[in-house]
Amino acid sequence: MRRRFSGPWIGEVGLIGGGPLAFPSVTVQDSLDQSRLEAALVEAGPYAAVRVLEEVDSTNNQLLAAPGVGHLTAWLAEHQTAGRGRLDPATDATAPRIWQAPPHTAILASVAVRPSVPGGQLTLAMALAVLEVIDSIAHRSFLFGTIGTEATVTCKGSLKWPNDIMFGPNKVGGVLTQVGQDGRIVIGLGLNVHQSAEQLPTVRATSLNLEGFEVDRTELAIAVLDGFARQYRTWRRSPAALVQAAAQRMATIGQWIYAVLPSGQVLAGQATGLDQAGRLMLRGQQGHHTHLDSGDVHHVRSQGI
């Protein structure tokens, strides 16, 4: 059953405040509304600037190269021609995956921040912001009686280390964090919203639309970006608290996995948790422990790796 949301779910979770924010009707071309984004995130929010671009190679690339970018600047695009994912070891360990989506169907956004300390956990901050919004959508589903229990949908949102956002067994979004030469950190998000199954690159991907949720991309972007700002503040106060929150939603923990490192090396074992830096702790089959900074992680069904 398709679920359209037209109530104050953003305000209910404290993202924009307590007042209701209604979704307008979703049209075939759900364009981002820069004036609404600026009103919520800049005029009434914490952002220095928000910009909507029609088409770019990558919002990360553009925001990394732009001069004079202030702290908490967000750029969004209707379409990307060369959005990046993680490395693809199935073809070439040095070849990046491409994140593709038809125009006006996804949230393609990057946020620049300028912390005074290294920001290795900021990928987790963006991913948690997305999960919070998915949880809020699930809550609205429960209130309107379109699902049996709130937990039915809430529990489907999870993280797969290092940067995948999952809905059930399938990927609904991903985060890519990069550091610029001047120290700025850019956190990029790709979130599937309106795509049909035919518009997704693999059967292991999904969209909010395919999961039965019809949402307005502008309001969704406002909720996610404001949520990221709050997660960023949590991280500045206590990086350990952010990592702990991410660990609670990390489907990888407890799983037997194999990880393909950027060098091509393959490690196998059981994921036992996250360390304080957000690195994945892996216990090998011989009992030795490794802390992973990066890698392509694959869950397996049993210890028989």
Protein backbone atom coordinates (compact mmCIF):
# COMPACT_ATOMS: atom_id res chain seq x y z
CA MET A 1 0.00 0.00 0.00
CA ARG A 2 1.34 3.42 -0.94
CA ARG A 3 1.62 5.92 1.88
CA ARG A 4 1.54 9.67 1.18
CA PHE A 5 2.64 11.97 3.97
CA SER A 6 1.07 15.39 4.29
CA GLY A 7 1.41 16.12 7.99
CA PRO A 8 3.89 17.59 10.44
CA TRP A 9 6.21 14.61 10.71
CA ILE A 10 9.31 16.78 10.36
CA GLY A 11 8.35 18.97 13.29
CA GLU A 12 7.34 15.93 15.34
CA VAL A 13 10.92 14.71 15.54
CA GLY A 14 12.22 18.18 16.29
CA LEU A 15 14.02 18.82 13.04
CA ILE A 16 12.57 22.21 12.21
CA GLY A 17 10.72 22.97 15.41
CA GLY A 18 7.28 22.15 16.65
CA GLY A 19 5.09 23.57 13.90
CA PRO A 20 3.54 21.52 11.11
CA LEU A 21 5.15 21.42 7.69
CA ALA A 22 2.80 19.99 5.08
CA PHE A 23 3.95 18.14 2.02
CA PRO A 24 2.64 19.64 -1.21
CA SER A 25 1.37 17.23 -3.81
CA VAL A 26 4.13 15.28 -5.49
CA THR A 27 4.17 15.85 -9.22
CA VAL A 28 5.76 13.76 -11.97
CA GLN A 29 8.75 16.12 -11.95
CA ASP A 30 9.42 16.70 -8.28
CA SER A 31 11.83 19.63 -8.54
CA LEU A 32 13.74 20.94 -5.56
CA ASP A 33 12.52 24.33 -4.34
CA GLN A 34 15.50 26.51 -3.42
CA SER A 35 13.36 29.18 -1.77
CA ARG A 36 11.83 26.64 0.63
CA LEU A 37 15.22 25.12 1.32
CA GLU A 38 16.73 28.51 2.12
CA ALA A 39 13.79 29.53 4.30
CA ALA A 40 14.04 26.39 6.44
CA LEU A 41 17.79 25.79 6.49
CA VAL A 42 19.37 29.26 6.20
CA GLU A 43 16.85 31.86 7.37
CA ALA A 44 15.40 29.66 10.14
CA GLY A 45 18.20 27.13 10.41
CA PRO A 46 21.93 26.68 10.93
CA TYR A 47 23.20 26.67 7.34
CA ALA A 48 25.39 29.39 5.84
CA ALA A 49 24.13 28.78 2.31
CA VAL A 50 22.08 26.33 0.24
CA ARG A 51 22.27 26.08 -3.52
CA VAL A 52 20.33 23.95 -6.01
CA LEU A 53 22.07 23.06 -9.29
CA GLU A 54 20.31 21.58 -12.32
CA GLU A 55 23.08 19.27 -13.49
CA VAL A 56 26.65 18.70 -12.30
CA ASP A 57 29.26 16.00 -12.55
CA SER A 58 29.18 15.54 -8.79
CA THR A 59 28.02 17.78 -5.94
CA ASN A 60 31.08 16.66 -3.97
CA ASN A 61 33.41 17.68 -6.79
CA GLN A 62 31.76 21.06 -7.15
CA LEU A 63 31.73 21.83 -3.43
CA LEU A 64 35.34 20.73 -2.98
CA ALA A 65 36.45 23.07 -5.79
CA ALA A 66 34.29 26.10 -4.97
CA PRO A 67 36.13 29.09 -3.47
CA GLY A 68 35.09 30.75 -0.22
CA VAL A 69 32.77 28.01 1.00
CA GLY A 70 31.61 28.61 4.57
CA HIS A 71 30.92 26.13 7.33
CA LEU A 72 27.62 24.27 6.82
CA THR A 73 27.14 24.99 3.14
CA ALA A 74 24.90 22.60 1.21
CA TRP A 75 24.72 22.09 -2.53
CA LEU A 76 22.08 19.89 -4.13
CA ALA A 77 21.61 18.75 -7.71
CA GLU A 78 18.65 17.60 -9.77
CA HIS A 79 20.97 15.34 -11.75
CA GLN A 80 24.56 14.10 -11.52
CA THR A 81 26.54 12.79 -14.47
CA ALA A 82 29.48 11.40 -12.50
CA GLY A 83 28.36 10.83 -8.93
CA ARG A 84 30.76 8.62 -7.05
CA GLY A 85 30.33 5.60 -4.84
CA ARG A 86 32.89 3.35 -3.23
CA LEU A 87 35.47 1.21 -5.00
CA ASP A 88 34.19 -1.76 -6.98
CA PRO A 89 36.46 -4.76 -6.33
CA ALA A 90 34.37 -6.95 -8.63
CA THR A 91 35.84 -5.14 -11.62
CA ASP A 92 38.85 -3.10 -10.60
CA ALA A 93 39.99 -2.21 -7.08
CA THR A 94 40.97 1.24 -8.35
CA ALA A 95 37.75 1.95 -10.26
CA PRO A 96 35.11 3.90 -8.33
CA ARG A 97 31.47 2.94 -8.49
CA ILE A 98 29.19 5.43 -10.21
CA TRP A 99 26.08 6.69 -8.41
CA GLN A 100 23.42 7.28 -11.06
CA ALA A 101 19.78 8.35 -10.89
CA PRO A 102 17.35 9.87 -13.40
CA PRO A 103 16.78 13.63 -12.96
CA HIS A 104 14.41 14.70 -10.17
CA THR A 105 14.24 11.24 -8.57
CA ALA A 106 16.83 11.29 -5.76
CA ILE A 107 18.39 13.44 -3.07
CA LEU A 108 21.86 14.27 -4.39
CA ALA A 109 23.44 16.59 -1.85
CA SER A 110 26.78 17.57 -0.37
CA VAL A 111 27.51 19.50 2.81
CA ALA A 112 30.78 21.30 3.53
CA VAL A 113 31.93 21.70 7.13
CA ARG A 114 35.07 23.16 8.62
CA PRO A 115 35.74 21.42 11.92
CA SER A 116 38.85 22.19 13.93
CA VAL A 117 39.52 18.47 14.41
CA PRO A 118 39.55 15.50 11.99
CA GLY A 119 36.05 14.42 11.02
CA GLY A 120 36.35 10.71 10.41
CA GLN A 121 32.94 9.98 11.91
CA LEU A 122 30.95 12.44 9.79
CA THR A 123 29.90 9.73 7.34
CA LEU A 124 28.05 8.18 10.28
CA ALA A 125 26.48 11.56 11.14
CA MET A 126 24.89 11.87 7.69
CA ALA A 127 23.76 8.25 7.65
CA LEU A 128 22.12 8.62 11.07
CA ALA A 129 20.30 11.75 9.88
CA VAL A 130 18.78 9.75 7.02
CA LEU A 131 17.76 6.89 9.31
CA GLU A 132 16.07 9.35 11.63
CA VAL A 133 13.94 10.61 8.77
CA ILE A 134 13.08 7.06 7.67
CA ASP A 135 12.06 6.32 11.25
CA SER A 136 9.85 9.39 11.21
CA ILE A 137 8.15 8.24 8.02
CA ALA A 138 7.55 4.87 9.68
CA HIS A 139 6.03 6.61 12.68
CA ARG A 140 3.61 8.45 10.41
CA SER A 141 2.70 5.16 8.74
CA PHE A 142 1.85 3.71 12.13
CA LEU A 143 -0.25 6.72 13.13
CA PHE A 144 -2.29 6.48 9.93
CA GLY A 145 -2.75 2.74 10.30
CA THR A 146 -1.04 1.77 7.06
CA ILE A 147 1.29 -0.70 8.81
CA GLY A 148 0.66 -3.12 11.64
CA THR A 149 3.23 -1.80 14.10
CA GLU A 150 5.63 1.10 14.07
CA ALA A 151 8.55 -1.28 14.61
CA THR A 152 7.67 -3.14 11.42
CA VAL A 153 9.14 -0.39 9.24
CA THR A 154 11.42 1.34 11.75
CA CYS A 155 13.55 -1.77 12.18
CA LYS A 156 14.08 -2.01 8.41
CA GLY A 157 16.31 1.07 8.36
CA SER A 158 19.92 0.20 9.14
CA LEU A 159 23.54 0.92 8.26
CA LYS A 160 26.00 -1.34 6.47
CA TRP A 161 29.57 -0.36 7.21
CA PRO A 162 31.18 1.82 6.06
CA ASN A 163 28.64 4.04 4.29
CA ASP A 164 25.57 2.22 3.00
CA ILE A 165 22.04 3.11 4.14
CA MET A 166 19.81 0.06 3.98
CA PHE A 167 16.07 -0.55 3.94
CA GLY A 168 15.60 -4.21 4.71
CA PRO A 169 18.17 -6.16 2.67
CA ASN A 170 18.52 -3.51 -0.03
CA LYS A 171 20.49 -0.29 -0.35
CA VAL A 172 18.45 2.92 -0.39
CA GLY A 173 21.30 5.40 -0.05
CA GLY A 174 24.99 5.97 0.45
CA VAL A 175 27.40 8.54 1.86
CA LEU A 176 30.79 9.60 0.50
CA THR A 177 33.06 11.84 2.61
CA GLN A 178 36.07 13.64 1.15
CA VAL A 179 38.61 16.13 2.49
CA GLY A 180 39.64 19.21 0.52
CA GLN A 181 43.12 20.69 0.30
CA ASP A 182 42.11 23.61 2.53
CA GLY A 183 40.82 21.29 5.25
CA ARG A 184 37.13 21.51 4.39
CA ILE A 185 35.27 18.21 4.74
CA VAL A 186 32.53 17.46 2.22
CA ILE A 187 29.93 14.83 3.05
CA GLY A 188 27.96 13.68 0.02
CA LEU A 189 24.64 11.86 0.09
CA GLY A 190 22.77 9.91 -2.55
CA LEU A 191 19.29 8.82 -1.44
CA ASN A 192 16.88 7.00 -3.76
CA VAL A 193 13.43 8.59 -3.57
CA HIS A 194 11.18 8.21 -6.61
CA GLN A 195 12.94 5.56 -8.72
CA SER A 196 11.09 2.57 -10.07
CA ALA A 197 12.73 -0.85 -10.09
CA GLU A 198 13.67 -0.37 -13.75
CA GLN A 199 15.51 2.87 -12.93
CA LEU A 200 17.78 1.29 -10.32
CA PRO A 201 21.14 -0.24 -11.30
CA THR A 202 20.72 -3.52 -9.40
CA VAL A 203 18.09 -5.67 -7.75
CA ARG A 204 19.92 -5.08 -4.47
CA ALA A 205 18.88 -1.40 -4.54
CA THR A 206 15.57 0.13 -3.53
CA SER A 207 13.90 3.53 -3.24
CA LEU A 208 11.43 5.11 -0.86
CA ASN A 209 8.90 4.88 -3.67
CA LEU A 210 9.39 1.12 -4.00
CA GLU A 211 8.93 0.74 -0.25
CA GLY A 212 5.55 2.44 -0.54
CA PHE A 213 6.43 5.97 0.56
CA GLU A 214 5.53 8.98 -1.57
CA VAL A 215 7.38 12.03 -0.30
CA ASP A 216 8.27 15.51 -1.50
CA ARG A 217 11.99 15.80 -2.20
CA THR A 218 12.27 19.36 -0.92
CA GLU A 219 10.80 18.52 2.48
CA LEU A 220 12.85 15.33 2.59
CA ALA A 221 16.03 17.29 1.87
CA ILE A 222 15.16 19.83 4.58
CA ALA A 223 14.64 17.06 7.12
CA VAL A 224 17.85 15.23 6.25
CA LEU A 225 20.07 18.31 6.11
CA ASP A 226 18.70 19.74 9.34
CA GLY A 227 19.13 16.33 10.92
CA PHE A 228 22.75 16.26 9.77
CA ALA A 229 23.37 19.63 11.44
CA ARG A 230 22.06 18.20 14.71
CA GLN A 231 24.16 15.06 14.36
CA TYR A 232 27.16 17.29 13.67
CA ARG A 233 26.55 19.14 16.93
CA THR A 234 26.31 15.80 18.73
CA TRP A 235 29.64 14.80 17.21
CA ARG A 236 31.32 18.05 18.30
CA ARG A 237 30.10 17.52 21.87
CA SER A 238 30.84 13.81 22.03
CA PRO A 239 32.24 11.78 19.11
CA ALA A 240 31.79 8.66 21.24
CA ALA A 241 28.04 9.30 21.55
CA LEU A 242 27.70 9.55 17.77
CA VAL A 243 29.64 6.33 17.20
CA GLN A 244 27.58 4.55 19.84
CA ALA A 245 24.34 5.66 18.16
CA ALA A 246 25.65 4.42 14.81
CA ALA A 247 26.70 1.09 16.30
CA GLN A 248 23.14 0.53 17.51
CA ARG A 249 21.89 0.79 13.90
CA MET A 250 24.83 -1.02 12.29
CA ALA A 251 23.60 -4.25 10.70
CA THR A 252 27.20 -5.29 10.01
CA ILE A 253 28.01 -5.78 13.70
CA GLY A 254 27.75 -9.43 14.67
CA GLN A 255 27.86 -10.57 11.05
CA TRP A 256 30.45 -12.81 9.48
CA ILE A 257 31.91 -10.77 6.65
CA TYR A 258 34.68 -10.49 4.17
CA ALA A 259 36.14 -7.08 3.43
CA VAL A 260 37.97 -6.07 0.27
CA LEU A 261 40.42 -3.31 1.16
CA PRO A 262 41.37 -0.51 -1.29
CA SER A 263 44.70 -2.33 -1.80
CA GLY A 264 42.84 -5.43 -3.01
CA GLN A 265 43.61 -7.42 0.13
CA VAL A 266 40.71 -9.53 1.42
CA LEU A 267 40.08 -10.00 5.14
CA ALA A 268 37.47 -12.33 6.62
CA GLY A 269 35.99 -12.73 10.07
CA GLN A 270 33.24 -11.51 12.38
CA ALA A 271 32.44 -7.82 12.80
CA THR A 272 32.39 -7.22 16.56
CA GLY A 273 31.74 -3.47 16.82
CA LEU A 274 32.98 0.02 16.10
CA ASP A 275 35.95 1.60 17.83
CA GLN A 276 35.91 5.21 19.03
CA ALA A 277 37.03 6.44 15.61
CA GLY A 278 34.14 4.64 13.88
CA ARG A 279 36.40 1.95 12.44
CA LEU A 280 34.99 -1.55 12.07
CA MET A 281 36.48 -4.09 14.47
CA LEU A 282 37.00 -7.46 12.81
CA ARG A 283 37.87 -10.68 14.64
CA GLY A 284 39.56 -13.09 12.24
CA GLN A 285 38.95 -16.80 12.13
CA GLN A 286 42.17 -17.36 14.07
CA GLY A 287 41.12 -14.91 16.80
CA HIS A 288 43.28 -11.92 15.80
CA HIS A 289 41.68 -8.47 15.71
CA THR A 290 41.86 -5.84 12.96
CA HIS A 291 40.40 -2.32 12.87
CA LEU A 292 39.28 -1.36 9.36
CA ASP A 293 39.44 2.25 8.17
CA SER A 294 37.80 1.51 4.81
CA GLY A 295 36.87 -1.33 2.55
CA ASP A 296 34.07 -2.98 0.65
CA VAL A 297 32.20 -5.18 3.13
CA HIS A 298 30.13 -8.21 2.20
CA HIS A 299 27.91 -10.00 4.70
CA VAL A 300 27.91 -13.79 4.56
CA ARG A 301 25.35 -16.19 5.99
CA SER A 302 27.56 -18.30 8.19
CA GLN A 303 31.06 -18.77 9.50
CA GLY A 304 31.85 -20.86 6.44
CA ILE A 305 33.45 -17.98 4.57
